[in-house]
Amino acid sequence: MSTKATFYHAGCPVCVAAEQMVAEGLDRSKFDVEVVHLGLHISRIAEAERVGVRSVPALVIGGQPFHINHGADLAALKA
C-alpha cells in the first residue's frame, strides 16, 4: 500500500526546482504522488490550507505538510 504524497506549488522557479528534486525523486512504489500547480488550479488553495500548507512549494505526506524553501505565501496566490 502506498502513502499519499501531494506536492503543491505555484510554478515559480523555486517551486519547479523543488518539484524536480523532491516530488520526482519519491519512490513511486511507496508513494502515490500528485503534483498540484495552485496557479492553474486556484480552487485547490483551500484544500492546501486545510492540510496546513502556508507557503509553496510544500510536500504533504500522509497529511503532514513539509515546507520546502519559500516561493510564495498562499495568501499571495489568492490575490
N, C-alpha and C. Protein backbone atom coordinates (compact mmCIF):
# COMPACT_ATOMS: atom_id res chain seq x y z
N MET A 1 0.85 -1.19 0.00
CA MET A 1 0.00 0.00 0.00
C MET A 1 0.89 1.24 0.00
N SER A 2 0.59 2.19 -0.87
CA SER A 2 1.41 3.39 -0.94
C SER A 2 0.79 4.53 -0.13
N THR A 3 1.64 5.43 0.31
CA THR A 3 1.25 6.60 1.08
C THR A 3 0.98 7.75 0.13
N LYS A 4 -0.09 8.50 0.39
CA LYS A 4 -0.44 9.65 -0.44
C LYS A 4 0.56 10.78 -0.19
N ALA A 5 1.10 11.35 -1.25
CA ALA A 5 2.01 12.49 -1.19
C ALA A 5 1.53 13.51 -2.20
N THR A 6 1.27 14.74 -1.74
CA THR A 6 0.82 15.80 -2.64
C THR A 6 1.83 16.92 -2.59
N PHE A 7 2.33 17.30 -3.76
CA PHE A 7 3.29 18.39 -3.88
C PHE A 7 2.55 19.60 -4.43
N TYR A 8 2.43 20.66 -3.61
CA TYR A 8 1.76 21.89 -4.02
C TYR A 8 2.81 22.91 -4.43
N HIS A 9 2.56 23.59 -5.56
CA HIS A 9 3.48 24.63 -5.99
C HIS A 9 2.73 25.68 -6.80
N ALA A 10 3.45 26.76 -7.15
CA ALA A 10 2.84 27.86 -7.89
C ALA A 10 3.49 28.09 -9.24
N GLY A 11 4.41 27.24 -9.63
CA GLY A 11 5.03 27.37 -10.93
C GLY A 11 6.25 28.27 -10.99
N CYS A 12 6.63 28.87 -9.87
CA CYS A 12 7.80 29.74 -9.85
C CYS A 12 9.08 28.90 -9.97
N PRO A 13 10.21 29.52 -10.27
CA PRO A 13 11.46 28.77 -10.41
C PRO A 13 11.83 27.95 -9.17
N VAL A 14 11.60 28.49 -7.98
CA VAL A 14 11.88 27.75 -6.75
C VAL A 14 11.02 26.50 -6.68
N CYS A 15 9.73 26.64 -7.04
CA CYS A 15 8.80 25.52 -6.99
C CYS A 15 9.16 24.44 -8.02
N VAL A 16 9.52 24.87 -9.22
CA VAL A 16 9.85 23.91 -10.26
C VAL A 16 11.10 23.13 -9.88
N ALA A 17 12.10 23.82 -9.33
CA ALA A 17 13.32 23.14 -8.90
C ALA A 17 13.01 22.15 -7.78
N ALA A 18 12.15 22.55 -6.84
CA ALA A 18 11.78 21.65 -5.73
C ALA A 18 11.01 20.45 -6.25
N GLU A 19 10.14 20.66 -7.22
CA GLU A 19 9.40 19.53 -7.80
C GLU A 19 10.36 18.52 -8.43
N GLN A 20 11.33 19.01 -9.16
CA GLN A 20 12.30 18.12 -9.80
C GLN A 20 13.12 17.36 -8.78
N MET A 21 13.49 18.00 -7.69
CA MET A 21 14.33 17.36 -6.68
C MET A 21 13.54 16.46 -5.73
N VAL A 22 12.36 16.90 -5.35
CA VAL A 22 11.62 16.22 -4.29
C VAL A 22 10.52 15.31 -4.84
N ALA A 23 9.53 15.88 -5.48
CA ALA A 23 8.37 15.10 -5.92
C ALA A 23 8.75 14.03 -6.93
N GLU A 24 9.61 14.38 -7.87
CA GLU A 24 10.00 13.40 -8.88
C GLU A 24 10.96 12.36 -8.32
N GLY A 25 11.58 12.67 -7.18
CA GLY A 25 12.53 11.75 -6.58
C GLY A 25 11.92 10.73 -5.63
N LEU A 26 10.62 10.86 -5.34
CA LEU A 26 9.97 9.91 -4.43
C LEU A 26 9.79 8.56 -5.10
N ASP A 27 9.97 7.53 -4.33
CA ASP A 27 9.81 6.15 -4.80
C ASP A 27 8.33 5.89 -5.07
N ARG A 28 7.96 5.77 -6.33
CA ARG A 28 6.55 5.60 -6.71
C ARG A 28 5.97 4.28 -6.24
N SER A 29 6.80 3.35 -5.83
CA SER A 29 6.26 2.10 -5.29
C SER A 29 5.83 2.28 -3.83
N LYS A 30 6.30 3.35 -3.21
CA LYS A 30 5.95 3.63 -1.81
C LYS A 30 5.01 4.82 -1.66
N PHE A 31 5.00 5.71 -2.65
CA PHE A 31 4.19 6.93 -2.56
C PHE A 31 3.32 7.11 -3.79
N ASP A 32 2.06 7.46 -3.54
CA ASP A 32 1.13 7.85 -4.59
C ASP A 32 1.26 9.36 -4.70
N VAL A 33 2.02 9.84 -5.69
CA VAL A 33 2.38 11.26 -5.78
C VAL A 33 1.44 12.00 -6.72
N GLU A 34 0.95 13.13 -6.22
CA GLU A 34 0.15 14.05 -7.04
C GLU A 34 0.83 15.41 -6.98
N VAL A 35 1.01 16.05 -8.12
CA VAL A 35 1.58 17.39 -8.19
C VAL A 35 0.44 18.34 -8.53
N VAL A 36 0.29 19.40 -7.69
CA VAL A 36 -0.80 20.36 -7.87
C VAL A 36 -0.21 21.75 -8.07
N HIS A 37 -0.41 22.31 -9.25
CA HIS A 37 0.03 23.66 -9.58
C HIS A 37 -1.11 24.59 -9.15
N LEU A 38 -0.93 25.28 -8.03
CA LEU A 38 -2.00 26.11 -7.48
C LEU A 38 -2.27 27.36 -8.32
N GLY A 39 -1.31 27.77 -9.14
CA GLY A 39 -1.54 28.89 -10.04
C GLY A 39 -2.54 28.53 -11.13
N LEU A 40 -2.58 27.26 -11.50
CA LEU A 40 -3.52 26.79 -12.51
C LEU A 40 -4.79 26.22 -11.91
N HIS A 41 -4.71 25.72 -10.69
CA HIS A 41 -5.85 25.10 -10.01
C HIS A 41 -6.16 25.86 -8.72
N ILE A 42 -6.58 27.10 -8.89
CA ILE A 42 -6.84 28.01 -7.76
C ILE A 42 -7.87 27.42 -6.80
N SER A 43 -8.80 26.64 -7.31
CA SER A 43 -9.85 26.06 -6.47
C SER A 43 -9.27 25.11 -5.42
N ARG A 44 -8.03 24.68 -5.57
CA ARG A 44 -7.43 23.74 -4.62
C ARG A 44 -6.62 24.43 -3.52
N ILE A 45 -6.58 25.77 -3.53
CA ILE A 45 -5.87 26.50 -2.48
C ILE A 45 -6.49 26.21 -1.12
N ALA A 46 -7.81 26.18 -1.02
CA ALA A 46 -8.48 25.90 0.25
C ALA A 46 -8.10 24.52 0.76
N GLU A 47 -8.00 23.56 -0.13
CA GLU A 47 -7.58 22.20 0.24
C GLU A 47 -6.17 22.23 0.85
N ALA A 48 -5.27 22.96 0.19
CA ALA A 48 -3.90 23.07 0.70
C ALA A 48 -3.89 23.70 2.08
N GLU A 49 -4.69 24.74 2.28
CA GLU A 49 -4.77 25.38 3.58
C GLU A 49 -5.28 24.42 4.65
N ARG A 50 -6.28 23.62 4.31
CA ARG A 50 -6.86 22.68 5.29
C ARG A 50 -5.84 21.66 5.80
N VAL A 51 -4.89 21.29 4.95
CA VAL A 51 -3.89 20.32 5.39
C VAL A 51 -2.65 20.99 5.99
N GLY A 52 -2.69 22.32 6.14
CA GLY A 52 -1.62 23.02 6.85
C GLY A 52 -0.57 23.69 5.99
N VAL A 53 -0.77 23.73 4.68
CA VAL A 53 0.19 24.40 3.81
C VAL A 53 0.03 25.91 3.98
N ARG A 54 1.15 26.60 4.24
CA ARG A 54 1.13 28.05 4.40
C ARG A 54 1.87 28.76 3.28
N SER A 55 2.80 28.04 2.66
CA SER A 55 3.55 28.60 1.55
C SER A 55 3.93 27.46 0.61
N VAL A 56 4.27 27.82 -0.61
CA VAL A 56 4.69 26.82 -1.58
C VAL A 56 6.12 27.12 -2.00
N PRO A 57 6.86 26.13 -2.36
CA PRO A 57 6.49 24.73 -2.53
C PRO A 57 6.34 24.02 -1.19
N ALA A 58 5.45 23.04 -1.18
CA ALA A 58 5.23 22.24 0.02
C ALA A 58 4.85 20.82 -0.39
N LEU A 59 5.31 19.89 0.38
CA LEU A 59 5.01 18.48 0.16
C LEU A 59 4.21 17.99 1.34
N VAL A 60 3.06 17.39 1.09
CA VAL A 60 2.23 16.84 2.15
C VAL A 60 2.27 15.32 2.02
N ILE A 61 2.78 14.67 3.05
CA ILE A 61 2.88 13.21 3.06
C ILE A 61 2.05 12.68 4.21
N GLY A 62 1.07 11.85 3.90
CA GLY A 62 0.22 11.28 4.93
C GLY A 62 -0.44 12.32 5.81
N GLY A 63 -0.80 13.48 5.21
CA GLY A 63 -1.47 14.54 5.95
C GLY A 63 -0.54 15.50 6.68
N GLN A 64 0.75 15.27 6.65
CA GLN A 64 1.73 16.12 7.33
C GLN A 64 2.42 17.03 6.31
N PRO A 65 2.27 18.38 6.46
CA PRO A 65 2.92 19.28 5.50
C PRO A 65 4.40 19.50 5.81
N PHE A 66 5.19 19.54 4.75
CA PHE A 66 6.61 19.85 4.84
C PHE A 66 6.87 21.01 3.88
N HIS A 67 7.26 22.15 4.44
CA HIS A 67 7.51 23.33 3.62
C HIS A 67 8.95 23.31 3.13
N ILE A 68 9.13 23.55 1.84
CA ILE A 68 10.43 23.48 1.20
C ILE A 68 10.79 24.88 0.72
N ASN A 69 11.89 25.43 1.24
CA ASN A 69 12.32 26.76 0.84
C ASN A 69 11.15 27.71 1.03
N HIS A 70 11.03 28.74 0.22
CA HIS A 70 9.89 29.65 0.30
C HIS A 70 9.71 30.34 -1.04
N GLY A 71 8.72 29.92 -1.78
CA GLY A 71 8.45 30.52 -3.07
C GLY A 71 7.39 31.60 -2.98
N ALA A 72 6.24 31.26 -2.37
CA ALA A 72 5.13 32.22 -2.25
C ALA A 72 4.20 31.79 -1.12
N ASP A 73 3.66 32.79 -0.43
CA ASP A 73 2.61 32.53 0.57
C ASP A 73 1.32 32.19 -0.16
N LEU A 74 0.49 31.35 0.45
CA LEU A 74 -0.79 31.03 -0.16
C LEU A 74 -1.65 32.26 -0.32
N ALA A 75 -1.53 33.20 0.62
CA ALA A 75 -2.32 34.44 0.54
C ALA A 75 -2.02 35.19 -0.76
N ALA A 76 -0.78 35.15 -1.22
CA ALA A 76 -0.41 35.83 -2.46
C ALA A 76 -1.06 35.17 -3.67
N LEU A 77 -1.29 33.87 -3.59
CA LEU A 77 -1.92 33.16 -4.71
C LEU A 77 -3.41 33.47 -4.81
N LYS A 78 -4.02 33.87 -3.70
CA LYS A 78 -5.44 34.19 -3.70
C LYS A 78 -5.71 35.55 -4.32
N ALA A 79 -4.71 36.41 -4.28
CA ALA A 79 -4.89 37.81 -4.75
C ALA A 79 -5.01 37.90 -6.25
